N, C-alpha and C. Protein backbone atom coordinates (compact mmCIF):
# COMPACT_ATOMS: atom_id res chain seq x y z
N MET A 1 100.64 -63.21 -63.64
CA MET A 1 99.31 -63.87 -62.60
C MET A 1 99.57 -63.23 -60.67
N ASP A 2 98.08 -62.67 -60.58
CA ASP A 2 98.13 -62.26 -59.33
C ASP A 2 97.96 -63.33 -58.11
N LEU A 3 98.07 -63.82 -57.00
CA LEU A 3 97.53 -64.72 -56.33
C LEU A 3 95.72 -64.34 -56.35
N PRO A 4 95.56 -65.29 -56.75
CA PRO A 4 93.76 -65.25 -56.69
C PRO A 4 93.45 -65.81 -55.13
N SER A 5 91.54 -65.71 -54.53
CA SER A 5 91.59 -65.98 -53.87
C SER A 5 90.79 -67.46 -54.38
N LEU A 6 90.55 -67.83 -53.07
CA LEU A 6 90.00 -69.85 -53.54
C LEU A 6 89.13 -69.92 -53.02
N ASP A 7 88.07 -70.54 -52.86
CA ASP A 7 86.56 -70.51 -52.10
C ASP A 7 86.10 -71.83 -52.11
N THR A 8 85.70 -72.31 -50.93
CA THR A 8 85.14 -73.08 -50.92
C THR A 8 84.38 -73.14 -49.98
N PRO A 9 83.61 -74.58 -49.64
CA PRO A 9 82.07 -74.17 -48.56
C PRO A 9 82.63 -73.48 -47.78
N ARG A 10 83.73 -73.42 -46.85
CA ARG A 10 83.16 -73.09 -45.87
C ARG A 10 84.15 -72.02 -45.88
N LEU A 11 85.05 -71.63 -46.42
CA LEU A 11 86.33 -70.89 -46.08
C LEU A 11 86.82 -69.82 -47.57
N VAL A 12 87.71 -68.66 -47.13
CA VAL A 12 88.23 -68.66 -48.12
C VAL A 12 89.06 -67.91 -48.33
N LEU A 13 90.30 -68.52 -49.23
CA LEU A 13 91.59 -68.96 -49.09
C LEU A 13 91.92 -67.29 -50.00
N ARG A 14 92.84 -66.17 -48.91
CA ARG A 14 92.44 -64.65 -50.17
C ARG A 14 93.79 -64.30 -49.84
N PRO A 15 94.35 -63.41 -51.28
CA PRO A 15 96.09 -62.80 -50.56
C PRO A 15 95.84 -61.96 -49.02
N TYR A 16 97.17 -61.64 -48.75
CA TYR A 16 97.05 -61.43 -47.17
C TYR A 16 97.23 -60.03 -47.24
N SER A 17 96.77 -59.30 -46.20
CA SER A 17 96.97 -58.01 -45.95
C SER A 17 98.03 -57.22 -44.77
N LEU A 18 98.10 -56.38 -44.79
CA LEU A 18 98.72 -55.47 -42.97
C LEU A 18 97.18 -55.71 -41.92
N ALA A 19 96.48 -55.67 -42.45
CA ALA A 19 94.93 -55.70 -41.86
C ALA A 19 94.95 -56.94 -40.58
N ASP A 20 95.58 -57.53 -41.76
CA ASP A 20 96.34 -59.36 -41.21
C ASP A 20 96.87 -59.62 -39.87
N VAL A 21 97.83 -58.59 -39.42
CA VAL A 21 98.65 -57.95 -38.36
C VAL A 21 98.28 -58.92 -36.84
N PRO A 22 96.77 -57.78 -36.61
CA PRO A 22 96.58 -58.29 -35.32
C PRO A 22 95.95 -59.99 -35.09
N ASP A 23 95.25 -60.17 -35.81
CA ASP A 23 94.86 -61.72 -36.05
C ASP A 23 95.87 -62.94 -36.01
N LEU A 24 96.94 -61.66 -37.38
CA LEU A 24 97.96 -63.42 -37.21
C LEU A 24 98.87 -63.44 -36.16
N VAL A 25 99.46 -62.73 -35.41
CA VAL A 25 99.70 -62.63 -34.00
C VAL A 25 99.52 -63.17 -32.80
N ARG A 26 97.78 -62.81 -32.91
CA ARG A 26 97.43 -63.71 -31.73
C ARG A 26 97.23 -65.48 -31.95
N LEU A 27 96.89 -65.64 -33.47
CA LEU A 27 97.12 -67.56 -34.00
C LEU A 27 97.96 -67.82 -34.13
N ALA A 28 98.96 -67.32 -34.71
CA ALA A 28 100.70 -67.77 -35.00
C ALA A 28 101.51 -68.35 -33.57
N GLY A 29 100.62 -66.49 -32.30
CA GLY A 29 101.66 -66.65 -31.40
C GLY A 29 101.26 -67.45 -30.42
N SER A 30 100.44 -68.27 -30.69
CA SER A 30 100.42 -69.47 -29.97
C SER A 30 101.31 -70.43 -29.49
N ARG A 31 101.53 -70.76 -28.47
CA ARG A 31 102.95 -71.79 -28.70
C ARG A 31 102.39 -73.03 -29.02
N GLU A 32 101.19 -73.31 -29.19
CA GLU A 32 100.79 -74.90 -29.23
C GLU A 32 100.69 -74.79 -31.27
N VAL A 33 100.33 -73.80 -31.38
CA VAL A 33 100.61 -73.82 -33.39
C VAL A 33 102.37 -73.44 -34.03
N ALA A 34 103.33 -72.94 -32.75
CA ALA A 34 103.97 -72.97 -32.98
C ALA A 34 105.74 -74.54 -32.85
N ALA A 35 104.75 -75.18 -31.97
CA ALA A 35 105.61 -76.60 -32.01
C ALA A 35 104.08 -77.43 -32.54
N THR A 36 103.69 -77.44 -33.70
CA THR A 36 103.04 -78.16 -34.34
C THR A 36 103.73 -77.33 -36.63
N THR A 37 104.59 -76.60 -36.20
CA THR A 37 105.46 -75.94 -37.68
C THR A 37 106.83 -75.96 -37.04
N LEU A 38 107.12 -75.74 -38.52
CA LEU A 38 108.63 -75.41 -39.26
C LEU A 38 109.00 -73.79 -39.08
N ARG A 39 108.00 -73.47 -39.42
CA ARG A 39 108.52 -71.89 -39.81
C ARG A 39 108.50 -70.62 -39.31
N ILE A 40 107.36 -71.10 -38.20
CA ILE A 40 107.04 -70.84 -37.28
C ILE A 40 107.47 -70.16 -35.86
N PRO A 41 108.22 -69.18 -35.77
CA PRO A 41 108.61 -69.18 -34.21
C PRO A 41 107.56 -68.86 -33.38
N HIS A 42 108.31 -69.12 -32.24
CA HIS A 42 107.73 -68.22 -30.90
C HIS A 42 108.62 -68.02 -29.66
N PRO A 43 108.36 -66.26 -29.39
CA PRO A 43 107.61 -65.84 -29.31
C PRO A 43 106.98 -65.15 -31.22
N TYR A 44 106.44 -65.19 -31.11
CA TYR A 44 105.67 -64.67 -32.24
C TYR A 44 105.18 -62.81 -32.63
N CYS A 45 105.82 -61.85 -32.92
CA CYS A 45 105.59 -60.26 -32.27
C CYS A 45 104.74 -59.46 -34.03
N GLU A 46 104.53 -58.46 -33.52
CA GLU A 46 103.97 -58.08 -34.41
C GLU A 46 104.89 -57.94 -35.54
N GLN A 47 106.92 -57.11 -35.52
CA GLN A 47 107.33 -57.30 -36.26
C GLN A 47 107.35 -58.38 -37.50
N ASP A 48 107.26 -59.63 -37.50
CA ASP A 48 107.58 -61.15 -37.45
C ASP A 48 105.86 -61.28 -38.36
N ALA A 49 104.78 -60.47 -37.96
CA ALA A 49 103.53 -60.37 -38.45
C ALA A 49 103.90 -59.60 -39.70
N VAL A 50 104.71 -58.22 -39.52
CA VAL A 50 104.48 -57.91 -40.92
C VAL A 50 105.83 -57.80 -41.94
N ASP A 51 106.99 -58.27 -41.54
CA ASP A 51 108.00 -58.80 -42.48
C ASP A 51 107.09 -60.52 -42.80
N PHE A 52 105.81 -60.59 -42.44
CA PHE A 52 106.25 -62.13 -43.13
C PHE A 52 104.98 -61.55 -43.92
N ILE A 53 103.96 -60.57 -44.13
CA ILE A 53 103.10 -60.42 -44.70
C ILE A 53 103.43 -59.22 -45.84
N VAL A 54 104.54 -58.36 -45.92
CA VAL A 54 105.37 -57.92 -46.47
C VAL A 54 106.28 -58.47 -47.86
N SER A 55 106.92 -60.00 -47.50
CA SER A 55 107.76 -60.74 -47.87
C SER A 55 106.73 -61.62 -48.61
N THR A 56 105.49 -61.72 -48.25
CA THR A 56 104.52 -62.66 -48.94
C THR A 56 103.72 -61.28 -50.22
N ASN A 57 103.77 -60.41 -50.11
CA ASN A 57 103.04 -59.58 -51.11
C ASN A 57 104.21 -59.33 -51.96
N SER A 58 105.31 -59.62 -51.86
CA SER A 58 106.72 -58.68 -52.77
C SER A 58 106.61 -59.63 -53.92
N ASP A 59 106.22 -61.06 -54.48
CA ASP A 59 106.50 -61.72 -55.49
C ASP A 59 104.97 -61.51 -55.50
N PRO A 60 104.68 -61.25 -56.17
CA PRO A 60 103.05 -61.64 -56.64
C PRO A 60 103.20 -62.15 -58.18
N SER A 61 104.44 -62.83 -58.80
CA SER A 61 104.44 -63.96 -60.07
C SER A 61 104.09 -64.93 -59.47
N LEU A 62 104.15 -65.72 -58.52
CA LEU A 62 103.60 -66.89 -58.18
C LEU A 62 104.58 -67.96 -58.25
N GLU A 63 106.15 -66.80 -58.73
CA GLU A 63 107.27 -68.42 -59.27
C GLU A 63 107.73 -69.06 -57.93
N ARG A 64 107.90 -68.01 -57.07
CA ARG A 64 108.42 -69.26 -55.57
C ARG A 64 107.17 -69.81 -54.42
N ARG A 65 106.10 -68.94 -54.46
CA ARG A 65 105.50 -69.07 -52.95
C ARG A 65 104.13 -68.23 -53.66
N ALA A 66 102.86 -69.31 -53.35
CA ALA A 66 101.61 -68.78 -53.09
C ALA A 66 101.35 -68.37 -51.28
N ARG A 67 101.05 -67.73 -50.56
CA ARG A 67 100.75 -67.61 -49.88
C ARG A 67 99.77 -66.99 -49.24
N PHE A 68 98.11 -67.97 -48.85
CA PHE A 68 96.90 -67.44 -48.48
C PHE A 68 96.33 -67.34 -46.87
N ALA A 69 95.91 -66.53 -46.51
CA ALA A 69 94.95 -66.17 -45.58
C ALA A 69 93.88 -66.90 -45.73
N VAL A 70 93.68 -67.87 -44.66
CA VAL A 70 92.35 -68.44 -44.64
C VAL A 70 91.49 -67.84 -43.35
N THR A 71 89.88 -68.26 -44.16
CA THR A 71 89.04 -66.81 -43.43
C THR A 71 88.25 -67.98 -43.17
N LEU A 72 87.16 -67.52 -42.39
CA LEU A 72 85.55 -68.24 -42.59
C LEU A 72 84.41 -67.65 -43.39
N ARG A 73 84.13 -67.69 -44.87
CA ARG A 73 83.23 -67.70 -45.21
C ARG A 73 82.11 -66.77 -44.46
N ASP A 74 81.32 -67.37 -43.47
CA ASP A 74 80.58 -66.75 -42.89
C ASP A 74 81.02 -65.08 -42.53
N SER A 75 82.37 -65.29 -41.64
CA SER A 75 82.06 -64.41 -41.05
C SER A 75 83.19 -63.47 -40.68
N GLY A 76 84.22 -63.76 -41.99
CA GLY A 76 85.06 -63.25 -42.55
C GLY A 76 86.32 -63.35 -41.87
N ASP A 77 86.23 -63.91 -40.67
CA ASP A 77 86.81 -64.33 -39.21
C ASP A 77 88.54 -64.35 -39.55
N TYR A 78 89.41 -64.06 -39.60
CA TYR A 78 90.82 -64.90 -40.09
C TYR A 78 91.27 -66.56 -39.16
N CYS A 79 91.65 -67.38 -39.38
CA CYS A 79 92.03 -68.49 -38.77
C CYS A 79 92.94 -68.86 -39.08
N GLY A 80 94.19 -68.97 -39.52
CA GLY A 80 95.07 -69.16 -40.12
C GLY A 80 95.67 -69.42 -41.72
N GLY A 81 96.65 -69.95 -42.21
CA GLY A 81 97.32 -69.93 -43.57
C GLY A 81 97.28 -71.01 -44.26
N ALA A 82 97.55 -70.93 -45.31
CA ALA A 82 98.07 -71.91 -46.12
C ALA A 82 98.56 -71.56 -46.82
N GLY A 83 100.08 -72.60 -48.24
CA GLY A 83 100.37 -71.92 -49.32
C GLY A 83 101.60 -73.13 -49.59
N LEU A 84 102.30 -72.47 -50.63
CA LEU A 84 102.73 -73.43 -51.43
C LEU A 84 104.31 -72.68 -51.45
N ARG A 85 105.04 -73.69 -51.15
CA ARG A 85 106.60 -73.03 -51.31
C ARG A 85 106.77 -73.87 -53.50
N ILE A 86 107.06 -72.89 -53.99
CA ILE A 86 107.44 -73.74 -55.80
C ILE A 86 108.37 -73.61 -55.94
N GLU A 87 108.92 -74.55 -56.84
CA GLU A 87 110.56 -75.31 -57.41
C GLU A 87 110.05 -75.31 -58.46
N ARG A 88 109.75 -73.94 -59.19
CA ARG A 88 109.06 -74.62 -60.65
C ARG A 88 110.01 -74.67 -61.70
N TRP A 89 111.66 -75.36 -61.17
CA TRP A 89 112.17 -76.00 -62.03
C TRP A 89 111.81 -77.36 -62.21
N GLN A 90 111.61 -77.47 -61.10
CA GLN A 90 111.15 -79.15 -60.73
C GLN A 90 109.84 -79.25 -61.26
N GLN A 91 108.80 -78.53 -60.72
CA GLN A 91 107.71 -78.30 -61.00
C GLN A 91 106.70 -78.97 -60.06
N GLN A 92 107.48 -78.83 -58.69
CA GLN A 92 106.90 -79.15 -57.48
C GLN A 92 106.56 -78.43 -56.65
N ALA A 93 106.19 -78.27 -55.64
CA ALA A 93 105.69 -77.47 -54.34
C ALA A 93 105.43 -78.40 -53.09
N GLU A 94 105.90 -77.74 -52.36
CA GLU A 94 106.58 -77.77 -50.63
C GLU A 94 104.41 -77.24 -50.05
N LEU A 95 103.30 -78.40 -49.29
CA LEU A 95 102.53 -77.48 -49.24
C LEU A 95 102.75 -77.34 -47.78
N GLY A 96 102.72 -76.12 -47.02
CA GLY A 96 102.14 -75.78 -45.95
C GLY A 96 100.71 -75.59 -45.29
N PHE A 97 100.45 -75.25 -44.34
CA PHE A 97 99.40 -74.77 -43.66
C PHE A 97 99.07 -74.51 -41.91
N TRP A 98 98.38 -74.34 -41.26
CA TRP A 98 98.53 -74.04 -40.22
C TRP A 98 96.81 -73.74 -39.82
N LEU A 99 96.68 -73.85 -38.47
CA LEU A 99 95.20 -72.77 -37.96
C LEU A 99 95.32 -72.82 -36.54
N GLY A 100 94.76 -71.32 -36.21
CA GLY A 100 94.98 -71.05 -34.97
C GLY A 100 94.06 -72.21 -34.14
N VAL A 101 94.64 -72.24 -32.80
CA VAL A 101 94.02 -73.49 -31.80
C VAL A 101 92.34 -73.29 -31.51
N PRO A 102 91.44 -72.19 -31.89
CA PRO A 102 90.36 -71.92 -31.88
C PRO A 102 89.62 -73.28 -33.10
N TYR A 103 89.95 -72.96 -34.09
CA TYR A 103 90.14 -73.27 -35.27
C TYR A 103 90.11 -74.78 -35.77
N TRP A 104 90.92 -76.06 -34.64
CA TRP A 104 91.69 -76.72 -34.65
C TRP A 104 89.76 -78.19 -34.43
N GLY A 105 90.28 -79.15 -35.60
CA GLY A 105 89.22 -79.91 -35.16
C GLY A 105 87.83 -80.01 -35.66
N LYS A 106 87.85 -79.16 -37.05
CA LYS A 106 86.66 -78.63 -37.67
C LYS A 106 86.31 -78.82 -38.80
N GLY A 107 87.81 -79.69 -39.00
CA GLY A 107 87.74 -80.51 -40.92
C GLY A 107 88.44 -78.31 -41.62
N TYR A 108 88.65 -77.78 -40.96
CA TYR A 108 89.14 -76.40 -42.05
C TYR A 108 90.68 -77.12 -42.45
N ALA A 109 91.29 -77.49 -41.56
CA ALA A 109 92.86 -77.96 -42.94
C ALA A 109 92.63 -78.69 -43.64
N THR A 110 91.64 -79.34 -43.93
CA THR A 110 91.79 -80.67 -44.56
C THR A 110 90.67 -79.97 -46.29
N GLU A 111 89.92 -79.15 -45.51
CA GLU A 111 89.51 -77.98 -46.71
C GLU A 111 89.92 -77.22 -47.31
N CYS A 112 91.20 -76.24 -47.06
CA CYS A 112 91.84 -75.30 -47.30
C CYS A 112 93.43 -75.70 -47.84
N ALA A 113 94.15 -77.41 -47.46
CA ALA A 113 94.79 -77.91 -47.76
C ALA A 113 94.07 -78.63 -49.47
N GLN A 114 93.48 -78.53 -49.31
CA GLN A 114 92.92 -79.25 -50.61
C GLN A 114 92.31 -78.47 -51.32
N ALA A 115 92.22 -76.97 -51.64
CA ALA A 115 92.06 -76.08 -52.66
C ALA A 115 93.43 -75.78 -52.58
N VAL A 116 94.26 -75.83 -51.95
CA VAL A 116 95.43 -74.88 -52.05
C VAL A 116 96.52 -76.30 -53.15
N VAL A 117 96.08 -77.49 -53.02
CA VAL A 117 96.34 -78.46 -53.91
C VAL A 117 95.81 -78.14 -55.27
N LYS A 118 94.65 -78.57 -55.15
CA LYS A 118 93.82 -78.12 -56.54
C LYS A 118 94.40 -76.91 -56.95
N PHE A 119 94.36 -75.80 -56.40
CA PHE A 119 95.19 -74.21 -57.79
C PHE A 119 96.67 -74.99 -57.80
N GLY A 120 97.08 -75.80 -56.97
CA GLY A 120 98.79 -75.84 -57.57
C GLY A 120 98.46 -76.69 -58.73
N PHE A 121 97.58 -77.61 -58.83
CA PHE A 121 97.91 -78.52 -59.92
C PHE A 121 96.75 -78.25 -61.24
N ASP A 122 95.71 -77.72 -61.21
CA ASP A 122 95.10 -76.95 -62.05
C ASP A 122 95.44 -75.77 -62.81
N THR A 123 95.81 -75.03 -61.95
CA THR A 123 96.01 -73.33 -62.05
C THR A 123 97.91 -73.41 -62.46
N LEU A 124 98.78 -74.20 -61.35
CA LEU A 124 100.23 -73.69 -61.60
C LEU A 124 100.51 -74.92 -62.63
N LYS A 125 99.41 -76.05 -62.48
CA LYS A 125 100.43 -76.84 -63.36
C LYS A 125 101.50 -77.74 -62.48
N LEU A 126 101.46 -77.29 -61.50
CA LEU A 126 102.20 -78.26 -61.03
C LEU A 126 102.14 -80.00 -61.11
N HIS A 127 103.25 -80.86 -61.07
CA HIS A 127 103.56 -81.89 -61.46
C HIS A 127 103.56 -83.07 -59.86
N ARG A 128 104.45 -82.12 -58.72
CA ARG A 128 104.05 -82.55 -57.44
C ARG A 128 104.30 -82.28 -56.44
N ILE A 129 103.31 -82.01 -55.74
CA ILE A 129 103.06 -81.43 -54.46
C ILE A 129 103.52 -82.25 -53.27
N PHE A 130 104.44 -82.22 -52.13
CA PHE A 130 104.99 -83.04 -51.51
C PHE A 130 104.30 -81.91 -49.95
N ALA A 131 104.52 -82.29 -48.96
CA ALA A 131 104.36 -81.99 -47.41
C ALA A 131 105.19 -82.73 -46.16
N SER A 132 105.17 -82.14 -45.38
CA SER A 132 105.66 -83.34 -44.49
C SER A 132 105.47 -82.41 -42.58
N HIS A 133 105.34 -83.23 -41.70
CA HIS A 133 104.38 -83.15 -40.46
C HIS A 133 105.88 -83.96 -39.85
N PHE A 134 106.17 -83.01 -37.94
CA PHE A 134 106.38 -83.84 -37.15
C PHE A 134 105.83 -85.03 -36.72
N ALA A 135 106.75 -85.77 -36.48
CA ALA A 135 106.02 -87.28 -36.84
C ALA A 135 105.09 -87.34 -35.36
N HIS A 136 105.38 -86.27 -34.65
CA HIS A 136 104.11 -85.88 -33.03
C HIS A 136 103.10 -85.68 -33.66
N ASN A 137 103.05 -84.88 -34.78
CA ASN A 137 101.80 -83.99 -34.86
C ASN A 137 100.66 -84.92 -35.88
N LEU A 138 100.20 -86.28 -35.23
CA LEU A 138 99.13 -86.66 -36.40
C LEU A 138 98.18 -86.51 -36.57
N ALA A 139 97.41 -85.24 -35.84
CA ALA A 139 96.46 -84.51 -36.86
C ALA A 139 97.00 -83.91 -38.39
N SER A 140 98.16 -83.58 -38.39
CA SER A 140 98.35 -83.02 -39.94
C SER A 140 98.94 -84.12 -40.48
N GLY A 141 99.31 -85.14 -40.24
CA GLY A 141 99.40 -86.83 -41.15
C GLY A 141 98.25 -87.20 -41.72
N ARG A 142 97.14 -87.43 -40.49
CA ARG A 142 95.19 -87.34 -41.19
C ARG A 142 94.69 -86.28 -42.34
N VAL A 143 95.63 -84.82 -42.56
CA VAL A 143 94.55 -84.06 -43.10
C VAL A 143 95.20 -84.45 -44.77
N LEU A 144 96.80 -85.16 -44.64
CA LEU A 144 97.28 -85.21 -45.96
C LEU A 144 96.73 -86.35 -46.13
N ARG A 145 96.58 -87.35 -45.27
CA ARG A 145 96.17 -88.66 -46.43
C ARG A 145 94.34 -87.96 -46.30
N LYS A 146 93.87 -87.50 -46.08
CA LYS A 146 92.62 -87.25 -46.61
C LYS A 146 92.21 -86.37 -47.97
N ILE A 147 93.58 -85.61 -48.13
CA ILE A 147 93.68 -84.89 -49.34
C ILE A 147 94.27 -85.92 -50.59
N GLY A 148 95.10 -86.90 -50.36
CA GLY A 148 95.50 -87.93 -51.12
C GLY A 148 97.14 -88.11 -50.71
N MET A 149 97.17 -87.61 -50.32
CA MET A 149 98.72 -87.47 -50.58
C MET A 149 99.30 -88.30 -50.10
N GLN A 150 99.94 -89.69 -49.97
CA GLN A 150 100.89 -90.62 -49.83
C GLN A 150 102.00 -90.71 -49.21
N TYR A 151 102.19 -92.29 -48.38
CA TYR A 151 103.60 -91.70 -47.01
C TYR A 151 104.39 -91.88 -47.80
N GLU A 152 105.15 -91.45 -47.89
CA GLU A 152 106.44 -91.91 -48.29
C GLU A 152 108.05 -91.81 -47.66
N GLY A 153 107.83 -91.45 -46.32
CA GLY A 153 108.87 -92.14 -45.50
C GLY A 153 109.11 -90.91 -44.59
N CYS A 154 109.86 -91.43 -43.78
CA CYS A 154 110.19 -90.72 -42.10
C CYS A 154 111.97 -89.99 -42.63
N LEU A 155 112.19 -88.75 -42.15
CA LEU A 155 112.92 -88.52 -42.47
C LEU A 155 113.58 -88.93 -40.73
N ARG A 156 114.40 -89.19 -40.44
CA ARG A 156 114.83 -89.13 -38.99
C ARG A 156 115.51 -87.89 -38.78
N GLY A 157 115.03 -87.88 -37.84
CA GLY A 157 115.79 -85.93 -36.85
C GLY A 157 116.12 -85.40 -37.84
N GLN A 158 115.03 -85.28 -38.70
CA GLN A 158 115.41 -84.09 -39.57
C GLN A 158 115.28 -82.61 -39.35
N VAL A 159 114.59 -82.34 -38.50
CA VAL A 159 113.86 -80.95 -37.65
C VAL A 159 114.82 -80.73 -36.64
N PHE A 160 115.47 -79.62 -36.11
CA PHE A 160 116.12 -79.14 -35.48
C PHE A 160 115.40 -78.20 -34.60
N LYS A 161 114.23 -78.49 -33.54
CA LYS A 161 113.39 -76.73 -32.95
C LYS A 161 113.52 -76.84 -31.49
N TRP A 162 113.95 -76.55 -31.16
CA TRP A 162 113.08 -75.66 -29.35
C TRP A 162 114.84 -77.06 -28.71
N ASP A 163 115.89 -76.77 -29.34
CA ASP A 163 117.05 -77.43 -29.40
C ASP A 163 116.36 -79.00 -28.94
N LYS A 164 116.24 -79.42 -29.87
CA LYS A 164 115.81 -81.15 -29.96
C LYS A 164 115.48 -81.11 -31.51
N PHE A 165 115.94 -82.09 -31.64
CA PHE A 165 116.47 -83.11 -33.22
C PHE A 165 114.48 -83.70 -33.21
N TYR A 166 113.59 -83.94 -34.55
CA TYR A 166 112.55 -84.15 -34.87
C TYR A 166 112.19 -84.74 -35.79
N ASP A 167 111.91 -86.70 -35.87
CA ASP A 167 111.51 -87.01 -37.00
C ASP A 167 110.44 -85.98 -38.50
N SER A 168 110.18 -86.13 -39.40
CA SER A 168 109.48 -85.37 -40.40
C SER A 168 108.58 -86.50 -40.82
N GLU A 169 107.66 -87.04 -41.26
CA GLU A 169 107.14 -87.89 -42.28
C GLU A 169 106.34 -87.14 -42.89
N LEU A 170 106.63 -87.75 -44.39
CA LEU A 170 106.82 -87.00 -45.98
C LEU A 170 105.76 -87.80 -46.35
N TYR A 171 105.20 -86.49 -46.77
CA TYR A 171 103.54 -87.61 -47.98
C TYR A 171 104.34 -86.58 -49.48
N ALA A 172 103.81 -87.27 -50.40
CA ALA A 172 103.53 -85.97 -51.75
C ALA A 172 102.74 -87.07 -52.36
N ILE A 173 101.61 -85.83 -53.63
CA ILE A 173 100.33 -86.34 -54.10
C ILE A 173 101.19 -85.96 -55.76
N LEU A 174 101.01 -86.48 -56.44
CA LEU A 174 101.34 -86.39 -58.34
C LEU A 174 100.24 -85.55 -58.41
N SER A 175 100.58 -85.03 -60.43
CA SER A 175 98.57 -84.15 -60.52
C SER A 175 98.26 -84.89 -61.37
N ASN A 176 98.74 -86.56 -61.95
CA ASN A 176 98.25 -87.69 -61.64
C ASN A 176 97.59 -88.49 -60.83
N ASP A 177 97.85 -88.31 -59.63
CA ASP A 177 96.70 -89.73 -58.55
C ASP A 177 95.94 -88.92 -58.58
N PRO A 178 94.84 -90.16 -57.84
CA PRO A 178 93.56 -89.31 -57.62
C PRO A 178 93.30 -88.53 -56.56
N ARG A 179 92.76 -87.33 -56.97
CA ARG A 179 92.54 -86.86 -55.73
C ARG A 179 90.43 -86.67 -55.02
N PRO A 180 90.06 -86.65 -53.64
CA PRO A 180 89.57 -86.80 -53.10
C PRO A 180 88.03 -85.62 -53.65
N GLN A 181 86.93 -85.66 -54.15
CA GLN A 181 86.54 -84.23 -54.85
C GLN A 181 85.91 -83.86 -53.15
């Protein structure tokens, strides 16, 4: 199965293409974005974006990952990324998402995260989807609660980034848990 596009009222989540490189570098290259994510380095350069997109497109089977470019439905503007790191043997996946700073506070993160969770359960037939956020990133915690995830606990000092340890807050949702519509 190839990665489909996912449509929401205001967004289109679609497969990445190399045409996304300039926007990916511009938005992911923001220190504010890198400070809220585990896997986005700072500085973020063109080669980082190319490597990311090539690796994303090298596994079309959806066995290990499903990564979406998040774009605005009306304009087609690239605004961030979302996806799943899939563990088929456990029938679970880790949800990840980020948006460029100009798109913060508009509800897009909730909208795209909800679409990816629906895809994980309805299409990939996963049992559990989990996500975590840095304890200081309260906005991501709000998004996870809005999409129906339940708080599972704090992983103290779990992440080492920029010469400092950070606590990580863990959330999850099961396929039979209620989900907001």
